Protein backbone atom coordinates (compact mmCIF):
# COMPACT_ATOMS: atom_id res chain seq x y z
CA MET A 1 -15.62 -77.34 -18.98
CA GLY A 2 -17.89 -75.78 -21.59
CA LYS A 3 -21.43 -74.57 -21.18
CA TYR A 4 -24.63 -74.67 -23.15
CA VAL A 5 -27.07 -71.76 -23.02
CA VAL A 6 -30.69 -70.90 -23.80
CA VAL A 7 -32.88 -67.86 -23.28
CA LYS A 8 -36.26 -68.46 -21.63
CA LYS A 9 -38.20 -66.11 -23.89
CA ASP A 10 -41.28 -66.00 -21.68
CA SER A 11 -39.18 -64.04 -19.16
CA CYS A 12 -37.14 -61.92 -21.59
CA ILE A 13 -37.89 -58.18 -21.59
CA ALA A 14 -35.62 -57.44 -24.59
CA CYS A 15 -33.38 -55.07 -22.62
CA GLY A 16 -30.33 -55.97 -24.74
CA SER A 17 -27.90 -56.51 -21.88
CA CYS A 18 -26.98 -60.00 -23.08
CA GLY A 19 -26.20 -58.80 -26.60
CA ALA A 20 -24.11 -55.96 -25.21
CA SER A 21 -22.16 -58.35 -22.96
CA ALA A 22 -21.83 -61.24 -25.41
CA PRO A 23 -22.60 -60.16 -28.99
CA ASP A 24 -21.02 -63.33 -30.40
CA ILE A 25 -23.56 -65.44 -28.49
CA PHE A 26 -26.83 -63.45 -28.38
CA ASP A 27 -28.97 -61.44 -30.77
CA PHE A 28 -32.66 -60.60 -31.14
CA ASP A 29 -35.23 -62.80 -32.88
CA ASP A 30 -37.96 -61.49 -35.22
CA ASP A 31 -40.16 -60.69 -32.21
CA GLY A 32 -37.43 -58.56 -30.61
CA LEU A 33 -36.59 -61.05 -27.87
CA ALA A 34 -33.10 -62.28 -27.08
CA GLU A 35 -31.97 -65.65 -28.34
CA VAL A 36 -28.79 -67.68 -28.64
CA THR A 37 -27.45 -67.29 -32.16
CA TYR A 38 -23.96 -68.67 -31.57
CA GLU A 39 -22.93 -71.06 -34.35
CA GLY A 40 -26.54 -71.31 -35.58
CA ASP A 41 -27.86 -72.67 -32.27
CA ASN A 42 -31.23 -70.92 -32.75
CA ASN A 43 -31.83 -70.91 -28.99
CA ARG A 44 -31.93 -74.71 -28.79
CA GLY A 45 -29.12 -74.96 -26.22
CA VAL A 46 -27.28 -77.67 -28.13
CA THR A 47 -24.11 -75.82 -29.15
CA LEU A 48 -21.18 -75.80 -26.74
CA ILE A 49 -20.00 -72.25 -26.14
CA ALA A 50 -16.30 -71.82 -26.89
CA ALA A 51 -14.03 -71.48 -23.87
CA ASP A 52 -12.81 -68.05 -24.99
CA LEU A 53 -16.42 -66.77 -24.80
CA GLU A 54 -17.25 -68.11 -21.34
CA GLU A 55 -16.36 -64.85 -19.58
CA ASP A 56 -18.67 -62.91 -21.93
CA LEU A 57 -21.38 -65.51 -21.32
CA GLN A 58 -21.07 -65.12 -17.56
CA ASP A 59 -21.23 -61.34 -17.92
CA ALA A 60 -24.47 -61.73 -19.89
CA VAL A 61 -25.96 -64.06 -17.27
CA ASP A 62 -24.97 -61.68 -14.48
CA SER A 63 -26.38 -58.62 -16.27
CA CYS A 64 -29.77 -60.12 -17.20
CA PRO A 65 -32.40 -58.37 -15.05
CA THR A 66 -34.93 -61.20 -15.39
CA SER A 67 -32.52 -64.16 -15.06
CA CYS A 68 -33.91 -65.64 -18.28
CA ILE A 69 -30.50 -66.87 -19.50
CA LYS A 70 -29.99 -70.46 -18.43
CA THR A 71 -26.70 -72.35 -18.68
CA SER A 72 -25.91 -76.03 -18.25
CA ALA A 73 -22.99 -78.41 -18.49
CA LYS A 74 -25.25 -80.62 -20.64
CA ALA A 75 -27.11 -79.80 -23.84
CA PHE A 76 -30.72 -78.73 -23.32
CA ALA A 77 -32.10 -80.88 -26.12
């Protein structure tokens, strides 16, 4: 089953661990905070992450020191 993902920017410390773990899913916004860029999601949490990227996504979640990456089986918006 696929997952949706968002970054809670109020908790992000811009450490870059998510981008290092899952560069196809995460990047930095103009303020230097992490966001979901996968398939143009723009951190809305409405784009289903491809099954072949789920391991990278889990690595990013596990490596985030502030636990600001949230996943769900349902779209966030």
